[in-house]
Amino acid sequence: MNKTLPLSAALAALLLAAPAFAFHCPAEMKKIDAALAASPKLSAEQLAEVKALRAKGEEQHKAGDHAASLETLGKAEKLLGI
């Protein structure tokens, strides 16, 4: 019984954290959108990459893969310097 308690606690923490990831993705997408609206000084290639990463991150979010979405959106933010 003592072994199941830590496992149950870890599972509960994971289940509670998942919605937090889900709600965090749209905030990151809004930050990227705002940075794009400000006409960042990026090459055409970099701008295309940011837009592709933004779109991929949104797809991952909609598919429920929030960890991957945040990672992808983070790459776009890094290119934008935010």
N, C-alpha and C. Protein backbone atom coordinates (compact mmCIF):
# COMPACT_ATOMS: atom_id res chain seq x y z
N MET A 1 0.82 -1.19 0.00
CA MET A 1 0.00 0.00 0.00
C MET A 1 0.87 1.26 0.00
N ASN A 2 2.00 1.21 0.68
CA ASN A 2 2.87 2.38 0.72
C ASN A 2 3.44 2.71 -0.65
N LYS A 3 3.58 1.70 -1.50
CA LYS A 3 4.12 1.95 -2.84
C LYS A 3 3.08 2.60 -3.76
N THR A 4 1.83 2.37 -3.50
CA THR A 4 0.80 2.94 -4.38
C THR A 4 0.52 4.40 -4.08
N LEU A 5 0.80 4.83 -2.87
CA LEU A 5 0.53 6.23 -2.51
C LEU A 5 1.37 7.20 -3.34
N PRO A 6 2.70 7.02 -3.45
CA PRO A 6 3.47 7.95 -4.29
C PRO A 6 3.05 7.89 -5.76
N LEU A 7 2.73 6.70 -6.23
CA LEU A 7 2.29 6.56 -7.61
C LEU A 7 0.97 7.28 -7.83
N SER A 8 0.07 7.15 -6.90
CA SER A 8 -1.22 7.85 -7.00
C SER A 8 -1.04 9.36 -6.95
N ALA A 9 -0.14 9.81 -6.10
CA ALA A 9 0.12 11.25 -5.99
C ALA A 9 0.73 11.78 -7.29
N ALA A 10 1.64 11.02 -7.88
CA ALA A 10 2.26 11.44 -9.13
C ALA A 10 1.23 11.48 -10.26
N LEU A 11 0.37 10.49 -10.30
CA LEU A 11 -0.67 10.46 -11.32
C LEU A 11 -1.64 11.63 -11.16
N ALA A 12 -2.01 11.91 -9.94
CA ALA A 12 -2.91 13.04 -9.68
C ALA A 12 -2.27 14.36 -10.10
N ALA A 13 -0.99 14.53 -9.80
CA ALA A 13 -0.28 15.75 -10.18
C ALA A 13 -0.23 15.89 -11.70
N LEU A 14 0.01 14.78 -12.38
CA LEU A 14 0.07 14.81 -13.83
C LEU A 14 -1.29 15.19 -14.43
N LEU A 15 -2.34 14.62 -13.90
CA LEU A 15 -3.68 14.92 -14.40
C LEU A 15 -4.07 16.37 -14.14
N LEU A 16 -3.63 16.91 -13.03
CA LEU A 16 -3.94 18.31 -12.72
C LEU A 16 -3.09 19.26 -13.56
N ALA A 17 -1.89 18.84 -13.94
CA ALA A 17 -0.99 19.70 -14.70
C ALA A 17 -1.39 19.76 -16.18
N ALA A 18 -1.99 18.71 -16.71
CA ALA A 18 -2.32 18.67 -18.13
C ALA A 18 -3.19 19.84 -18.58
N PRO A 19 -4.25 20.19 -17.85
CA PRO A 19 -5.04 21.36 -18.28
C PRO A 19 -4.24 22.66 -18.25
N ALA A 20 -3.29 22.76 -17.35
CA ALA A 20 -2.46 23.97 -17.29
C ALA A 20 -1.66 24.11 -18.57
N PHE A 21 -1.12 23.00 -19.07
CA PHE A 21 -0.40 23.03 -20.34
C PHE A 21 -1.34 23.44 -21.46
N ALA A 22 -2.55 22.91 -21.44
CA ALA A 22 -3.51 23.18 -22.50
C ALA A 22 -3.86 24.66 -22.58
N PHE A 23 -4.02 25.30 -21.44
CA PHE A 23 -4.39 26.71 -21.43
C PHE A 23 -3.20 27.62 -21.67
N HIS A 24 -1.99 27.09 -21.54
CA HIS A 24 -0.80 27.89 -21.73
C HIS A 24 -0.49 28.07 -23.22
N CYS A 25 -0.84 27.09 -24.03
CA CYS A 25 -0.55 27.15 -25.47
C CYS A 25 -1.15 28.40 -26.14
N PRO A 26 -2.44 28.68 -25.93
CA PRO A 26 -3.01 29.87 -26.59
C PRO A 26 -2.31 31.17 -26.19
N ALA A 27 -1.86 31.26 -24.95
CA ALA A 27 -1.15 32.46 -24.51
C ALA A 27 0.16 32.62 -25.28
N GLU A 28 0.85 31.51 -25.50
CA GLU A 28 2.10 31.56 -26.26
C GLU A 28 1.83 31.93 -27.72
N MET A 29 0.74 31.41 -28.27
CA MET A 29 0.39 31.74 -29.66
C MET A 29 0.07 33.23 -29.78
N LYS A 30 -0.60 33.79 -28.78
CA LYS A 30 -0.92 35.22 -28.80
C LYS A 30 0.35 36.06 -28.74
N LYS A 31 1.34 35.63 -27.95
CA LYS A 31 2.61 36.36 -27.87
C LYS A 31 3.30 36.35 -29.23
N ILE A 32 3.28 35.21 -29.90
CA ILE A 32 3.90 35.10 -31.22
C ILE A 32 3.15 35.99 -32.21
N ASP A 33 1.83 35.94 -32.18
CA ASP A 33 1.03 36.77 -33.09
C ASP A 33 1.31 38.25 -32.88
N ALA A 34 1.43 38.67 -31.63
CA ALA A 34 1.72 40.07 -31.33
C ALA A 34 3.09 40.47 -31.86
N ALA A 35 4.06 39.58 -31.70
CA ALA A 35 5.41 39.87 -32.19
C ALA A 35 5.42 39.94 -33.72
N LEU A 36 4.66 39.07 -34.36
CA LEU A 36 4.58 39.10 -35.83
C LEU A 36 3.89 40.37 -36.31
N ALA A 37 2.89 40.83 -35.58
CA ALA A 37 2.16 42.05 -35.95
C ALA A 37 3.05 43.29 -35.84
N ALA A 38 4.10 43.20 -35.02
CA ALA A 38 5.01 44.32 -34.83
C ALA A 38 6.10 44.37 -35.90
N SER A 39 5.95 43.59 -36.96
CA SER A 39 6.91 43.55 -38.07
C SER A 39 8.35 43.34 -37.58
N PRO A 40 8.64 42.15 -37.06
CA PRO A 40 9.99 41.89 -36.55
C PRO A 40 11.03 41.94 -37.66
N LYS A 41 12.23 42.29 -37.27
CA LYS A 41 13.32 42.38 -38.24
C LYS A 41 13.94 41.00 -38.43
N LEU A 42 13.28 40.21 -39.26
CA LEU A 42 13.73 38.87 -39.58
C LEU A 42 13.85 38.75 -41.08
N SER A 43 14.70 37.82 -41.51
CA SER A 43 14.77 37.55 -42.94
C SER A 43 13.48 36.86 -43.37
N ALA A 44 13.24 36.82 -44.66
CA ALA A 44 12.04 36.15 -45.17
C ALA A 44 12.04 34.68 -44.77
N GLU A 45 13.21 34.07 -44.77
CA GLU A 45 13.34 32.66 -44.39
C GLU A 45 12.99 32.47 -42.92
N GLN A 46 13.51 33.33 -42.06
CA GLN A 46 13.21 33.24 -40.63
C GLN A 46 11.73 33.48 -40.36
N LEU A 47 11.16 34.45 -41.05
CA LEU A 47 9.74 34.76 -40.88
C LEU A 47 8.87 33.56 -41.29
N ALA A 48 9.24 32.92 -42.39
CA ALA A 48 8.51 31.74 -42.84
C ALA A 48 8.62 30.61 -41.82
N GLU A 49 9.81 30.46 -41.24
CA GLU A 49 10.01 29.41 -40.23
C GLU A 49 9.17 29.69 -38.98
N VAL A 50 9.14 30.94 -38.54
CA VAL A 50 8.33 31.31 -37.38
C VAL A 50 6.86 31.00 -37.64
N LYS A 51 6.38 31.37 -38.81
CA LYS A 51 4.97 31.13 -39.15
C LYS A 51 4.67 29.63 -39.22
N ALA A 52 5.61 28.86 -39.75
CA ALA A 52 5.41 27.41 -39.83
C ALA A 52 5.41 26.79 -38.43
N LEU A 53 6.31 27.24 -37.57
CA LEU A 53 6.35 26.74 -36.20
C LEU A 53 5.08 27.12 -35.45
N ARG A 54 4.61 28.32 -35.66
CA ARG A 54 3.37 28.79 -35.02
C ARG A 54 2.19 27.90 -35.43
N ALA A 55 2.10 27.61 -36.72
CA ALA A 55 1.02 26.77 -37.24
C ALA A 55 1.13 25.35 -36.70
N LYS A 56 2.35 24.82 -36.67
CA LYS A 56 2.56 23.46 -36.16
C LYS A 56 2.20 23.39 -34.68
N GLY A 57 2.58 24.41 -33.92
CA GLY A 57 2.26 24.45 -32.50
C GLY A 57 0.76 24.47 -32.26
N GLU A 58 0.04 25.20 -33.10
CA GLU A 58 -1.42 25.24 -32.97
C GLU A 58 -2.03 23.87 -33.29
N GLU A 59 -1.51 23.22 -34.33
CA GLU A 59 -1.99 21.88 -34.69
C GLU A 59 -1.76 20.91 -33.53
N GLN A 60 -0.57 20.97 -32.94
CA GLN A 60 -0.25 20.07 -31.83
C GLN A 60 -1.17 20.35 -30.64
N HIS A 61 -1.45 21.61 -30.39
CA HIS A 61 -2.36 21.99 -29.30
C HIS A 61 -3.74 21.40 -29.55
N LYS A 62 -4.26 21.57 -30.75
CA LYS A 62 -5.59 21.06 -31.09
C LYS A 62 -5.65 19.54 -31.01
N ALA A 63 -4.51 18.88 -31.26
CA ALA A 63 -4.45 17.42 -31.19
C ALA A 63 -4.28 16.93 -29.76
N GLY A 64 -4.08 17.86 -28.82
CA GLY A 64 -3.94 17.48 -27.42
C GLY A 64 -2.52 17.23 -26.98
N ASP A 65 -1.54 17.47 -27.86
CA ASP A 65 -0.13 17.25 -27.52
C ASP A 65 0.46 18.58 -27.05
N HIS A 66 0.10 18.95 -25.83
CA HIS A 66 0.44 20.28 -25.33
C HIS A 66 1.92 20.46 -25.04
N ALA A 67 2.58 19.40 -24.59
CA ALA A 67 4.02 19.51 -24.33
C ALA A 67 4.77 19.78 -25.63
N ALA A 68 4.42 19.06 -26.69
CA ALA A 68 5.06 19.28 -27.99
C ALA A 68 4.71 20.67 -28.53
N SER A 69 3.47 21.09 -28.31
CA SER A 69 3.04 22.41 -28.76
C SER A 69 3.88 23.50 -28.10
N LEU A 70 4.06 23.40 -26.80
CA LEU A 70 4.85 24.41 -26.09
C LEU A 70 6.30 24.40 -26.56
N GLU A 71 6.83 23.23 -26.84
CA GLU A 71 8.21 23.14 -27.33
C GLU A 71 8.32 23.80 -28.70
N THR A 72 7.39 23.51 -29.58
CA THR A 72 7.39 24.09 -30.93
C THR A 72 7.21 25.61 -30.87
N LEU A 73 6.25 26.05 -30.07
CA LEU A 73 6.02 27.49 -29.94
C LEU A 73 7.23 28.19 -29.33
N GLY A 74 7.92 27.50 -28.44
CA GLY A 74 9.14 28.05 -27.84
C GLY A 74 10.22 28.30 -28.88
N LYS A 75 10.31 27.42 -29.87
CA LYS A 75 11.28 27.60 -30.95
C LYS A 75 10.95 28.86 -31.75
N ALA A 76 9.66 29.07 -32.00
CA ALA A 76 9.24 30.27 -32.73
C ALA A 76 9.57 31.52 -31.92
N GLU A 77 9.30 31.46 -30.62
CA GLU A 77 9.59 32.60 -29.75
C GLU A 77 11.08 32.91 -29.71
N LYS A 78 11.89 31.87 -29.72
CA LYS A 78 13.34 32.08 -29.70
C LYS A 78 13.79 32.82 -30.96
N LEU A 79 13.25 32.41 -32.09
CA LEU A 79 13.59 33.10 -33.34
C LEU A 79 13.15 34.56 -33.32
N LEU A 80 12.03 34.82 -32.64
CA LEU A 80 11.51 36.19 -32.54
C LEU A 80 12.21 37.00 -31.45
N GLY A 81 12.97 36.33 -30.61
CA GLY A 81 13.65 37.02 -29.52
C GLY A 81 12.73 37.35 -28.35
N ILE A 82 11.69 36.55 -28.16
CA ILE A 82 10.76 36.78 -27.04
C ILE A 82 10.75 35.57 -26.12
